[in-house]
Amino acid sequence: MAKKLLVAALLAMLLAGGVVAEGQFIDGVYQGRGDGYSDYIDVEVIIEDGLIKDIQVTYFGDTRFVGDVAIEKLREQMLAEQTIEVDTISQATFSSQGFIEAVKDALKDATRD
């Protein structure tokens, strides 16, 4: 009987949206913006199972062939290490800072209290 009550309670929580996946973040798709060297950078961050599943740059008006290369390295590092606390890339400091700022902006609503 207790097992049935537990299953019913968990099902009710799932239907009400009260259960979130294990992990650091709340599942969903989040957008953010940061200031690069010469323009802003927009990103979309996908969270699944509480983890950063993907980060896509949706707008990049900054320095090509320098900033975009640095951003890809930062993206890979964030995904591999599951953190947004990464160091900027030398010679693409402002683009790096803008990308990190954009990801932080996107995740501000995805963090658990």
PDB file of N, CA and C in Angstrom:
ATOM      1  N   MET A   1       0.818  -1.188   0.000  1.00  0.00           N
ATOM      2  CA  MET A   1       0.000   0.000   0.000  1.00  0.00           C
ATOM      3  C   MET A   1       0.868   1.260   0.000  1.00  0.00           C
ATOM      4  N   ALA A   2       1.910   1.268   0.837  1.00  0.00           N
ATOM      5  CA  ALA A   2       2.801   2.427   0.919  1.00  0.00           C
ATOM      6  C   ALA A   2       3.520   2.651  -0.405  1.00  0.00           C
ATOM      7  N   LYS A   3       3.857   1.546  -1.076  1.00  0.00           N
ATOM      8  CA  LYS A   3       4.547   1.648  -2.364  1.00  0.00           C
ATOM      9  C   LYS A   3       3.636   2.319  -3.404  1.00  0.00           C
ATOM     10  N   LYS A   4       2.344   1.957  -3.392  1.00  0.00           N
ATOM     11  CA  LYS A   4       1.387   2.556  -4.322  1.00  0.00           C
ATOM     12  C   LYS A   4       1.224   4.045  -4.039  1.00  0.00           C
ATOM     13  N   LEU A   5       1.205   4.429  -2.766  1.00  0.00           N
ATOM     14  CA  LEU A   5       1.089   5.841  -2.410  1.00  0.00           C
ATOM     15  C   LEU A   5       2.311   6.625  -2.870  1.00  0.00           C
ATOM     16  N   LEU A   6       3.486   6.032  -2.704  1.00  0.00           N
ATOM     17  CA  LEU A   6       4.720   6.684  -3.134  1.00  0.00           C
ATOM     18  C   LEU A   6       4.727   6.884  -4.646  1.00  0.00           C
ATOM     19  N   VAL A   7       4.341   5.858  -5.387  1.00  0.00           N
ATOM     20  CA  VAL A   7       4.286   5.953  -6.846  1.00  0.00           C
ATOM     21  C   VAL A   7       3.271   7.019  -7.263  1.00  0.00           C
ATOM     22  N   ALA A   8       2.125   7.038  -6.609  1.00  0.00           N
ATOM     23  CA  ALA A   8       1.103   8.034  -6.927  1.00  0.00           C
ATOM     24  C   ALA A   8       1.598   9.449  -6.637  1.00  0.00           C
ATOM     25  N   ALA A   9       2.294   9.621  -5.520  1.00  0.00           N
ATOM     26  CA  ALA A   9       2.825  10.938  -5.162  1.00  0.00           C
ATOM     27  C   ALA A   9       3.879  11.392  -6.165  1.00  0.00           C
ATOM     28  N   LEU A  10       4.757  10.495  -6.563  1.00  0.00           N
ATOM     29  CA  LEU A  10       5.789  10.846  -7.553  1.00  0.00           C
ATOM     30  C   LEU A  10       5.167  11.179  -8.899  1.00  0.00           C
ATOM     31  N   LEU A  11       4.160  10.426  -9.291  1.00  0.00           N
ATOM     32  CA  LEU A  11       3.478  10.707 -10.544  1.00  0.00           C
ATOM     33  C   LEU A  11       2.806  12.074 -10.499  1.00  0.00           C
ATOM     34  N   ALA A  12       2.173  12.379  -9.386  1.00  0.00           N
ATOM     35  CA  ALA A  12       1.521  13.689  -9.241  1.00  0.00           C
ATOM     36  C   ALA A  12       2.542  14.813  -9.321  1.00  0.00           C
ATOM     37  N   MET A  13       3.714  14.623  -8.703  1.00  0.00           N
ATOM     38  CA  MET A  13       4.766  15.640  -8.759  1.00  0.00           C
ATOM     39  C   MET A  13       5.272  15.826 -10.179  1.00  0.00           C
ATOM     40  N   LEU A  14       5.444  14.711 -10.903  1.00  0.00           N
ATOM     41  CA  LEU A  14       5.889  14.806 -12.290  1.00  0.00           C
ATOM     42  C   LEU A  14       4.887  15.566 -13.140  1.00  0.00           C
ATOM     43  N   LEU A  15       3.629  15.242 -12.979  1.00  0.00           N
ATOM     44  CA  LEU A  15       2.596  15.917 -13.760  1.00  0.00           C
ATOM     45  C   LEU A  15       2.494  17.394 -13.411  1.00  0.00           C
ATOM     46  N   ALA A  16       2.782  17.733 -12.174  1.00  0.00           N
ATOM     47  CA  ALA A  16       2.715  19.129 -11.748  1.00  0.00           C
ATOM     48  C   ALA A  16       4.003  19.882 -12.047  1.00  0.00           C
ATOM     49  N   GLY A  17       5.006  19.176 -12.539  1.00  0.00           N
ATOM     50  CA  GLY A  17       6.277  19.818 -12.860  1.00  0.00           C
ATOM     51  C   GLY A  17       7.140  20.042 -11.627  1.00  0.00           C
ATOM     52  N   GLY A  18       6.885  19.320 -10.564  1.00  0.00           N
ATOM     53  CA  GLY A  18       7.607  19.515  -9.313  1.00  0.00           C
ATOM     54  C   GLY A  18       8.924  18.790  -9.218  1.00  0.00           C
ATOM     55  N   VAL A  19       9.208  17.914 -10.147  1.00  0.00           N
ATOM     56  CA  VAL A  19      10.451  17.159 -10.100  1.00  0.00           C
ATOM     57  C   VAL A  19      11.338  17.625 -11.242  1.00  0.00           C
ATOM     58  N   VAL A  20      12.558  17.997 -10.930  1.00  0.00           N
ATOM     59  CA  VAL A  20      13.522  18.362 -11.956  1.00  0.00           C
ATOM     60  C   VAL A  20      14.629  17.324 -11.951  1.00  0.00           C
ATOM     61  N   ALA A  21      15.296  17.217 -13.042  1.00  0.00           N
ATOM     62  CA  ALA A  21      16.340  16.212 -13.188  1.00  0.00           C
ATOM     63  C   ALA A  21      17.501  16.507 -12.252  1.00  0.00           C
ATOM     64  N   GLU A  22      18.231  15.448 -11.932  1.00  0.00           N
ATOM     65  CA  GLU A  22      19.416  15.607 -11.106  1.00  0.00           C
ATOM     66  C   GLU A  22      20.474  16.367 -11.884  1.00  0.00           C
ATOM     67  N   GLY A  23      21.181  17.223 -11.217  1.00  0.00           N
ATOM     68  CA  GLY A  23      22.232  17.986 -11.865  1.00  0.00           C
ATOM     69  C   GLY A  23      22.229  19.403 -11.352  1.00  0.00           C
ATOM     70  N   GLN A  24      23.074  20.168 -11.914  1.00  0.00           N
ATOM     71  CA  GLN A  24      23.325  21.521 -11.451  1.00  0.00           C
ATOM     72  C   GLN A  24      22.277  22.528 -11.915  1.00  0.00           C
ATOM     73  N   PHE A  25      21.644  22.279 -13.060  1.00  0.00           N
ATOM     74  CA  PHE A  25      20.743  23.259 -13.658  1.00  0.00           C
ATOM     75  C   PHE A  25      19.344  22.685 -13.859  1.00  0.00           C
ATOM     76  N   ILE A  26      18.390  23.571 -14.112  1.00  0.00           N
ATOM     77  CA  ILE A  26      17.015  23.193 -14.405  1.00  0.00           C
ATOM     78  C   ILE A  26      16.895  22.989 -15.915  1.00  0.00           C
ATOM     79  N   ASP A  27      16.337  21.861 -16.317  1.00  0.00           N
ATOM     80  CA  ASP A  27      16.213  21.533 -17.738  1.00  0.00           C
ATOM     81  C   ASP A  27      15.450  22.611 -18.504  1.00  0.00           C
ATOM     82  N   GLY A  28      15.887  22.852 -19.719  1.00  0.00           N
ATOM     83  CA  GLY A  28      15.229  23.819 -20.579  1.00  0.00           C
ATOM     84  C   GLY A  28      16.196  24.392 -21.598  1.00  0.00           C
ATOM     85  N   VAL A  29      15.692  25.344 -22.373  1.00  0.00           N
ATOM     86  CA  VAL A  29      16.501  26.052 -23.369  1.00  0.00           C
ATOM     87  C   VAL A  29      16.519  27.516 -22.952  1.00  0.00           C
ATOM     88  N   TYR A  30      17.722  28.067 -22.834  1.00  0.00           N
ATOM     89  CA  TYR A  30      17.893  29.417 -22.310  1.00  0.00           C
ATOM     90  C   TYR A  30      18.722  30.253 -23.278  1.00  0.00           C
ATOM     91  N   GLN A  31      18.350  31.524 -23.413  1.00  0.00           N
ATOM     92  CA  GLN A  31      19.079  32.456 -24.275  1.00  0.00           C
ATOM     93  C   GLN A  31      19.800  33.492 -23.421  1.00  0.00           C
ATOM     94  N   GLY A  32      20.962  33.920 -23.921  1.00  0.00           N
ATOM     95  CA  GLY A  32      21.721  34.949 -23.222  1.00  0.00           C
ATOM     96  C   GLY A  32      22.493  35.805 -24.201  1.00  0.00           C
ATOM     97  N   ARG A  33      22.957  36.961 -23.704  1.00  0.00           N
ATOM     98  CA  ARG A  33      23.706  37.904 -24.537  1.00  0.00           C
ATOM     99  C   ARG A  33      24.890  38.441 -23.740  1.00  0.00           C
ATOM    100  N   GLY A  34      26.005  38.602 -24.443  1.00  0.00           N
ATOM    101  CA  GLY A  34      27.201  39.206 -23.863  1.00  0.00           C
ATOM    102  C   GLY A  34      27.824  40.178 -24.838  1.00  0.00           C
ATOM    103  N   ASP A  35      28.640  41.077 -24.315  1.00  0.00           N
ATOM    104  CA  ASP A  35      29.319  42.070 -25.151  1.00  0.00           C
ATOM    105  C   ASP A  35      30.696  41.562 -25.551  1.00  0.00           C
ATOM    106  N   GLY A  36      30.923  41.489 -26.861  1.00  0.00           N
ATOM    107  CA  GLY A  36      32.221  41.094 -27.375  1.00  0.00           C
ATOM    108  C   GLY A  36      33.101  42.306 -27.617  1.00  0.00           C
ATOM    109  N   TYR A  37      34.066  42.162 -28.499  1.00  0.00           N
ATOM    110  CA  TYR A  37      35.003  43.242 -28.801  1.00  0.00           C
ATOM    111  C   TYR A  37      34.335  44.351 -29.602  1.00  0.00           C
ATOM    112  N   SER A  38      33.649  43.988 -30.688  1.00  0.00           N
ATOM    113  CA  SER A  38      33.052  45.003 -31.549  1.00  0.00           C
ATOM    114  C   SER A  38      31.533  44.896 -31.662  1.00  0.00           C
ATOM    115  N   ASP A  39      30.944  43.848 -31.111  1.00  0.00           N
ATOM    116  CA  ASP A  39      29.507  43.639 -31.199  1.00  0.00           C
ATOM    117  C   ASP A  39      29.115  42.642 -30.104  1.00  0.00           C
ATOM    118  N   TYR A  40      27.845  42.370 -30.014  1.00  0.00           N
ATOM    119  CA  TYR A  40      27.381  41.437 -28.995  1.00  0.00           C
ATOM    120  C   TYR A  40      27.406  40.004 -29.515  1.00  0.00           C
ATOM    121  N   ILE A  41      27.254  39.073 -28.573  1.00  0.00           N
ATOM    122  CA  ILE A  41      27.232  37.647 -28.865  1.00  0.00           C
ATOM    123  C   ILE A  41      25.982  37.077 -28.201  1.00  0.00           C
ATOM    124  N   ASP A  42      25.145  36.379 -28.970  1.00  0.00           N
ATOM    125  CA  ASP A  42      23.958  35.710 -28.438  1.00  0.00           C
ATOM    126  C   ASP A  42      24.195  34.210 -28.433  1.00  0.00           C
ATOM    127  N   VAL A  43      23.708  33.557 -27.380  1.00  0.00           N
ATOM    128  CA  VAL A  43      23.837  32.106 -27.282  1.00  0.00           C
ATOM    129  C   VAL A  43      22.512  31.486 -26.877  1.00  0.00           C
ATOM    130  N   GLU A  44      22.409  30.202 -27.150  1.00  0.00           N
ATOM    131  CA  GLU A  44      21.307  29.383 -26.677  1.00  0.00           C
ATOM    132  C   GLU A  44      21.940  28.193 -25.962  1.00  0.00           C
ATOM    133  N   VAL A  45      21.537  27.993 -24.718  1.00  0.00           N
ATOM    134  CA  VAL A  45      22.102  26.918 -23.907  1.00  0.00           C
ATOM    135  C   VAL A  45      20.996  25.893 -23.650  1.00  0.00           C
ATOM    136  N   ILE A  46      21.294  24.647 -23.947  1.00  0.00           N
ATOM    137  CA  ILE A  46      20.343  23.560 -23.751  1.00  0.00           C
ATOM    138  C   ILE A  46      20.773  22.755 -22.525  1.00  0.00           C
ATOM    139  N   ILE A  47      19.844  22.637 -21.572  1.00  0.00           N
ATOM    140  CA  ILE A  47      20.092  21.864 -20.360  1.00  0.00           C
ATOM    141  C   ILE A  47      19.218  20.620 -20.394  1.00  0.00           C
ATOM    142  N   GLU A  48      19.840  19.455 -20.238  1.00  0.00           N
ATOM    143  CA  GLU A  48      19.127  18.190 -20.148  1.00  0.00           C
ATOM    144  C   GLU A  48      19.685  17.406 -18.971  1.00  0.00           C
ATOM    145  N   ASP A  49      18.808  16.822 -18.196  1.00  0.00           N
ATOM    146  CA  ASP A  49      19.192  16.061 -17.005  1.00  0.00           C
ATOM    147  C   ASP A  49      20.053  16.897 -16.063  1.00  0.00           C
ATOM    148  N   GLY A  50      19.799  18.206 -16.042  1.00  0.00           N
ATOM    149  CA  GLY A  50      20.508  19.099 -15.146  1.00  0.00           C
ATOM    150  C   GLY A  50      21.912  19.460 -15.590  1.00  0.00           C
ATOM    151  N   LEU A  51      22.296  19.029 -16.781  1.00  0.00           N
ATOM    152  CA  LEU A  51      23.646  19.265 -17.292  1.00  0.00           C
ATOM    153  C   LEU A  51      23.601  20.094 -18.567  1.00  0.00           C
ATOM    154  N   ILE A  52      24.707  20.774 -18.845  1.00  0.00           N
ATOM    155  CA  ILE A  52      24.811  21.553 -20.079  1.00  0.00           C
ATOM    156  C   ILE A  52      24.975  20.564 -21.231  1.00  0.00           C
ATOM    157  N   LYS A  53      23.939  20.431 -22.039  1.00  0.00           N
ATOM    158  CA  LYS A  53      23.947  19.487 -23.160  1.00  0.00           C
ATOM    159  C   LYS A  53      24.584  20.112 -24.400  1.00  0.00           C
ATOM    160  N   ASP A  54      24.285  21.409 -24.626  1.00  0.00           N
ATOM    161  CA  ASP A  54      24.829  22.064 -25.804  1.00  0.00           C
ATOM    162  C   ASP A  54      24.800  23.578 -25.606  1.00  0.00           C
ATOM    163  N   ILE A  55      25.695  24.248 -26.284  1.00  0.00           N
ATOM    164  CA  ILE A  55      25.744  25.708 -26.325  1.00  0.00           C
ATOM    165  C   ILE A  55      25.900  26.091 -27.787  1.00  0.00           C
ATOM    166  N   GLN A  56      24.949  26.854 -28.298  1.00  0.00           N
ATOM    167  CA  GLN A  56      24.999  27.290 -29.684  1.00  0.00           C
ATOM    168  C   GLN A  56      25.070  28.812 -29.740  1.00  0.00           C
ATOM    169  N   VAL A  57      25.939  29.329 -30.582  1.00  0.00           N
ATOM    170  CA  VAL A  57      26.003  30.765 -30.816  1.00  0.00           C
ATOM    171  C   VAL A  57      24.940  31.084 -31.859  1.00  0.00           C
ATOM    172  N   THR A  58      23.992  31.931 -31.491  1.00  0.00           N
ATOM    173  CA  THR A  58      22.903  32.279 -32.411  1.00  0.00           C
ATOM    174  C   THR A  58      23.164  33.603 -33.128  1.00  0.00           C
ATOM    175  N   TYR A  59      24.055  34.424 -32.571  1.00  0.00           N
ATOM    176  CA  TYR A  59      24.479  35.646 -33.250  1.00  0.00           C
ATOM    177  C   TYR A  59      25.910  35.944 -32.813  1.00  0.00           C
ATOM    178  N   PHE A  60      26.758  36.198 -33.809  1.00  0.00           N
ATOM    179  CA  PHE A  60      28.153  36.549 -33.536  1.00  0.00           C
ATOM    180  C   PHE A  60      28.548  37.674 -34.481  1.00  0.00           C
ATOM    181  N   GLY A  61      28.561  38.886 -33.977  1.00  0.00           N
ATOM    182  CA  GLY A  61      28.935  40.026 -34.794  1.00  0.00           C
ATOM    183  C   GLY A  61      30.331  40.519 -34.468  1.00  0.00           C
ATOM    184  N   ASP A  62      31.096  39.674 -33.834  1.00  0.00           N
ATOM    185  CA  ASP A  62      32.426  40.061 -33.378  1.00  0.00           C
ATOM    186  C   ASP A  62      33.482  39.668 -34.414  1.00  0.00           C
ATOM    187  N   THR A  63      34.737  39.751 -34.051  1.00  0.00           N
ATOM    188  CA  THR A  63      35.871  39.525 -34.946  1.00  0.00           C
ATOM    189  C   THR A  63      35.933  38.066 -35.408  1.00  0.00           C
ATOM    190  N   ARG A  64      35.767  37.859 -36.699  1.00  0.00           N
ATOM    191  CA  ARG A  64      35.834  36.511 -37.280  1.00  0.00           C
ATOM    192  C   ARG A  64      37.273  36.004 -37.304  1.00  0.00           C
ATOM    193  N   PHE A  65      37.406  34.709 -37.305  1.00  0.00           N
ATOM    194  CA  PHE A  65      38.678  33.991 -37.418  1.00  0.00           C
ATOM    195  C   PHE A  65      39.586  34.190 -36.213  1.00  0.00           C
ATOM    196  N   VAL A  66      39.152  34.950 -35.239  1.00  0.00           N
ATOM    197  CA  VAL A  66      39.866  35.066 -33.965  1.00  0.00           C
ATOM    198  C   VAL A  66      38.880  34.723 -32.857  1.00  0.00           C
ATOM    199  N   GLY A  67      37.850  35.536 -32.749  1.00  0.00           N
ATOM    200  CA  GLY A  67      36.854  35.333 -31.709  1.00  0.00           C
ATOM    201  C   GLY A  67      36.087  34.042 -31.852  1.00  0.00           C
ATOM    202  N   ASP A  68      35.713  33.680 -33.070  1.00  0.00           N
ATOM    203  CA  ASP A  68      34.920  32.465 -33.248  1.00  0.00           C
ATOM    204  C   ASP A  68      35.724  31.203 -32.957  1.00  0.00           C
ATOM    205  N   VAL A  69      37.015  31.233 -33.221  1.00  0.00           N
ATOM    206  CA  VAL A  69      37.873  30.096 -32.894  1.00  0.00           C
ATOM    207  C   VAL A  69      37.981  29.953 -31.376  1.00  0.00           C
ATOM    208  N   ALA A  70      38.150  31.069 -30.694  1.00  0.00           N
ATOM    209  CA  ALA A  70      38.241  31.060 -29.228  1.00  0.00           C
ATOM    210  C   ALA A  70      36.933  30.577 -28.614  1.00  0.00           C
ATOM    211  N   ILE A  71      35.823  31.031 -29.154  1.00  0.00           N
ATOM    212  CA  ILE A  71      34.522  30.648 -28.626  1.00  0.00           C
ATOM    213  C   ILE A  71      34.306  29.144 -28.748  1.00  0.00           C
ATOM    214  N   GLU A  72      34.714  28.563 -29.847  1.00  0.00           N
ATOM    215  CA  GLU A  72      34.559  27.114 -30.006  1.00  0.00           C
ATOM    216  C   GLU A  72      35.382  26.369 -28.962  1.00  0.00           C
ATOM    217  N   LYS A  73      36.584  26.854 -28.668  1.00  0.00           N
ATOM    218  CA  LYS A  73      37.406  26.218 -27.621  1.00  0.00           C
ATOM    219  C   LYS A  73      36.733  26.341 -26.267  1.00  0.00           C
ATOM    220  N   LEU A  74      36.195  27.518 -25.962  1.00  0.00           N
ATOM    221  CA  LEU A  74      35.507  27.720 -24.683  1.00  0.00           C
ATOM    222  C   LEU A  74      34.256  26.847 -24.599  1.00  0.00           C
ATOM    223  N   ARG A  75      33.520  26.762 -25.687  1.00  0.00           N
ATOM    224  CA  ARG A  75      32.313  25.927 -25.735  1.00  0.00           C
ATOM    225  C   ARG A  75      32.651  24.479 -25.414  1.00  0.00           C
ATOM    226  N   GLU A  76      33.664  23.962 -26.078  1.00  0.00           N
ATOM    227  CA  GLU A  76      34.083  22.577 -25.844  1.00  0.00           C
ATOM    228  C   GLU A  76      34.507  22.357 -24.394  1.00  0.00           C
ATOM    229  N   GLN A  77      35.228  23.313 -23.840  1.00  0.00           N
ATOM    230  CA  GLN A  77      35.679  23.202 -22.461  1.00  0.00           C
ATOM    231  C   GLN A  77      34.496  23.234 -21.490  1.00  0.00           C
ATOM    232  N   MET A  78      33.543  24.136 -21.714  1.00  0.00           N
ATOM    233  CA  MET A  78      32.361  24.218 -20.850  1.00  0.00           C
ATOM    234  C   MET A  78      31.562  22.920 -20.880  1.00  0.00           C
ATOM    235  N   LEU A  79      31.397  22.356 -22.070  1.00  0.00           N
ATOM    236  CA  LEU A  79      30.651  21.111 -22.199  1.00  0.00           C
ATOM    237  C   LEU A  79      31.383  19.948 -21.532  1.00  0.00           C
ATOM    238  N   ALA A  80      32.681  19.868 -21.740  1.00  0.00           N
ATOM    239  CA  ALA A  80      33.464  18.763 -21.178  1.00  0.00           C
ATOM    240  C   ALA A  80      33.541  18.825 -19.654  1.00  0.00           C
ATOM    241  N   GLU A  81      33.704  20.037 -19.123  1.00  0.00           N
ATOM    242  CA  GLU A  81      33.897  20.201 -17.680  1.00  0.00           C
ATOM    243  C   GLU A  81      32.609  20.550 -16.940  1.00  0.00           C
ATOM    244  N   GLN A  82      31.527  20.810 -17.682  1.00  0.00           N
ATOM    245  CA  GLN A  82      30.233  21.161 -17.098  1.00  0.00           C
ATOM    246  C   GLN A  82      30.329  22.367 -16.161  1.00  0.00           C
ATOM    247  N   THR A  83      31.052  23.371 -16.622  1.00  0.00           N
ATOM    248  CA  THR A  83      31.199  24.596 -15.859  1.00  0.00           C
ATOM    249  C   THR A  83      31.296  25.784 -16.808  1.00  0.00           C
ATOM    250  N   ILE A  84      30.901  26.932 -16.305  1.00  0.00           N
ATOM    251  CA  ILE A  84      31.075  28.161 -17.083  1.00  0.00           C
ATOM    252  C   ILE A  84      32.249  28.970 -16.535  1.00  0.00           C
ATOM    253  N   GLU A  85      32.910  28.423 -15.542  1.00  0.00           N
ATOM    254  CA  GLU A  85      34.081  29.074 -14.950  1.00  0.00           C
ATOM    255  C   GLU A  85      35.321  28.633 -15.720  1.00  0.00           C
ATOM    256  N   VAL A  86      35.557  29.290 -16.852  1.00  0.00           N
ATOM    257  CA  VAL A  86      36.695  28.971 -17.711  1.00  0.00           C
ATOM    258  C   VAL A  86      37.522  30.229 -17.927  1.00  0.00           C
ATOM    259  N   ASP A  87      38.760  30.043 -18.301  1.00  0.00           N
ATOM    260  CA  ASP A  87      39.653  31.170 -18.567  1.00  0.00           C
ATOM    261  C   ASP A  87      39.450  31.668 -20.000  1.00  0.00           C
ATOM    262  N   THR A  88      39.668  32.962 -20.186  1.00  0.00           N
ATOM    263  CA  THR A  88      39.578  33.547 -21.522  1.00  0.00           C
ATOM    264  C   THR A  88      40.724  33.040 -22.386  1.00  0.00           C
ATOM    265  N   ILE A  89      40.551  33.150 -23.683  1.00  0.00           N
ATOM    266  CA  ILE A  89      41.577  32.727 -24.647  1.00  0.00           C
ATOM    267  C   ILE A  89      42.418  33.941 -25.023  1.00  0.00           C
ATOM    268  N   SER A  90      43.727  33.773 -24.938  1.00  0.00           N
ATOM    269  CA  SER A  90      44.661  34.846 -25.267  1.00  0.00           C
ATOM    270  C   SER A  90      44.449  35.325 -26.696  1.00  0.00           C
ATOM    271  N   GLN A  91      44.508  36.616 -26.906  1.00  0.00           N
ATOM    272  CA  GLN A  91      44.341  37.320 -28.177  1.00  0.00           C
ATOM    273  C   GLN A  91      42.890  37.315 -28.663  1.00  0.00           C
ATOM    274  N   ALA A  92      41.996  36.808 -27.834  1.00  0.00           N
ATOM    275  CA  ALA A  92      40.555  36.893 -28.119  1.00  0.00           C
ATOM    276  C   ALA A  92      39.841  37.145 -26.790  1.00  0.00           C
ATOM    277  N   THR A  93      40.465  37.979 -25.989  1.00  0.00           N
ATOM    278  CA  THR A  93      39.983  38.212 -24.621  1.00  0.00           C
ATOM    279  C   THR A  93      38.568  38.760 -24.594  1.00  0.00           C
ATOM    280  N   PHE A  94      38.274  39.781 -25.388  1.00  0.00           N
ATOM    281  CA  PHE A  94      36.948  40.402 -25.343  1.00  0.00           C
ATOM    282  C   PHE A  94      35.871  39.475 -25.899  1.00  0.00           C
ATOM    283  N   SER A  95      36.181  38.755 -26.955  1.00  0.00           N
ATOM    284  CA  SER A  95      35.225  37.776 -27.478  1.00  0.00           C
ATOM    285  C   SER A  95      34.999  36.666 -26.455  1.00  0.00           C
ATOM    286  N   SER A  96      36.068  36.219 -25.813  1.00  0.00           N
ATOM    287  CA  SER A  96      35.949  35.194 -24.774  1.00  0.00           C
ATOM    288  C   SER A  96      35.076  35.685 -23.629  1.00  0.00           C
ATOM    289  N   GLN A  97      35.345  36.895 -23.166  1.00  0.00           N
ATOM    290  CA  GLN A  97      34.558  37.464 -22.070  1.00  0.00           C
ATOM    291  C   GLN A  97      33.093  37.613 -22.473  1.00  0.00           C
ATOM    292  N   GLY A  98      32.842  38.041 -23.704  1.00  0.00           N
ATOM    293  CA  GLY A  98      31.477  38.200 -24.190  1.00  0.00           C
ATOM    294  C   GLY A  98      30.736  36.876 -24.261  1.00  0.00           C
ATOM    295  N   PHE A  99      31.431  35.835 -24.690  1.00  0.00           N
ATOM    296  CA  PHE A  99      30.821  34.507 -24.767  1.00  0.00           C
ATOM    297  C   PHE A  99      30.508  33.983 -23.363  1.00  0.00           C
ATOM    298  N   ILE A 100      31.462  34.102 -22.458  1.00  0.00           N
ATOM    299  CA  ILE A 100      31.247  33.656 -21.082  1.00  0.00           C
ATOM    300  C   ILE A 100      30.094  34.432 -20.461  1.00  0.00           C
ATOM    301  N   GLU A 101      30.060  35.731 -20.688  1.00  0.00           N
ATOM    302  CA  GLU A 101      28.976  36.580 -20.177  1.00  0.00           C
ATOM    303  C   GLU A 101      27.621  36.136 -20.738  1.00  0.00           C
ATOM    304  N   ALA A 102      27.582  35.797 -22.022  1.00  0.00           N
ATOM    305  CA  ALA A 102      26.345  35.365 -22.660  1.00  0.00           C
ATOM    306  C   ALA A 102      25.845  34.046 -22.064  1.00  0.00           C
ATOM    307  N   VAL A 103      26.751  33.112 -21.831  1.00  0.00           N
ATOM    308  CA  VAL A 103      26.363  31.825 -21.242  1.00  0.00           C
ATOM    309  C   VAL A 103      25.881  32.030 -19.810  1.00  0.00           C
ATOM    310  N   LYS A 104      26.585  32.865 -19.049  1.00  0.00           N
ATOM    311  CA  LYS A 104      26.141  33.169 -17.684  1.00  0.00           C
ATOM    312  C   LYS A 104      24.764  33.823 -17.696  1.00  0.00           C
ATOM    313  N   ASP A 105      24.537  34.731 -18.640  1.00  0.00           N
ATOM    314  CA  ASP A 105      23.243  35.391 -18.771  1.00  0.00           C
ATOM    315  C   ASP A 105      22.153  34.364 -19.065  1.00  0.00           C
ATOM    316  N   ALA A 106      22.451  33.431 -19.951  1.00  0.00           N
ATOM    317  CA  ALA A 106      21.472  32.400 -20.299  1.00  0.00           C
ATOM    318  C   ALA A 106      21.140  31.514 -19.102  1.00  0.00           C
ATOM    319  N   LEU A 107      22.125  31.238 -18.287  1.00  0.00           N
ATOM    320  CA  LEU A 107      21.923  30.293 -17.179  1.00  0.00           C
ATOM    321  C   LEU A 107      21.427  30.937 -15.899  1.00  0.00           C
ATOM    322  N   LYS A 108      21.242  32.244 -15.888  1.00  0.00           N
ATOM    323  CA  LYS A 108      20.812  32.893 -14.649  1.00  0.00           C
ATOM    324  C   LYS A 108      19.443  32.396 -14.194  1.00  0.00           C
ATOM    325  N   ASP A 109      18.581  32.012 -15.133  1.00  0.00           N
ATOM    326  CA  ASP A 109      17.266  31.495 -14.775  1.00  0.00           C
ATOM    327  C   ASP A 109      17.264  29.972 -14.650  1.00  0.00           C
ATOM    328  N   ALA A 110      18.387  29.345 -14.939  1.00  0.00           N
ATOM    329  CA  ALA A 110      18.451  27.880 -14.912  1.00  0.00           C
ATOM    330  C   ALA A 110      19.126  27.336 -13.663  1.00  0.00           C
ATOM    331  N   THR A 111      19.593  28.204 -12.802  1.00  0.00           N
ATOM    332  CA  THR A 111      20.303  27.726 -11.619  1.00  0.00           C
ATOM    333  C   THR A 111      19.338  27.384 -10.506  1.00  0.00           C
ATOM    334  N   ARG A 112      19.707  26.379  -9.765  1.00  0.00           N
ATOM    335  CA  ARG A 112      18.912  25.952  -8.618  1.00  0.00           C
ATOM    336  C   ARG A 112      19.204  26.866  -7.441  1.00  0.00           C
ATOM    337  N   ASP A 113      18.189  27.161  -6.661  1.00  0.00           N
ATOM    338  CA  ASP A 113      18.376  28.013  -5.472  1.00  0.00           C
ATOM    339  C   ASP A 113      18.887  27.216  -4.298  1.00  0.00           C
TER     340      ASP A 113
END
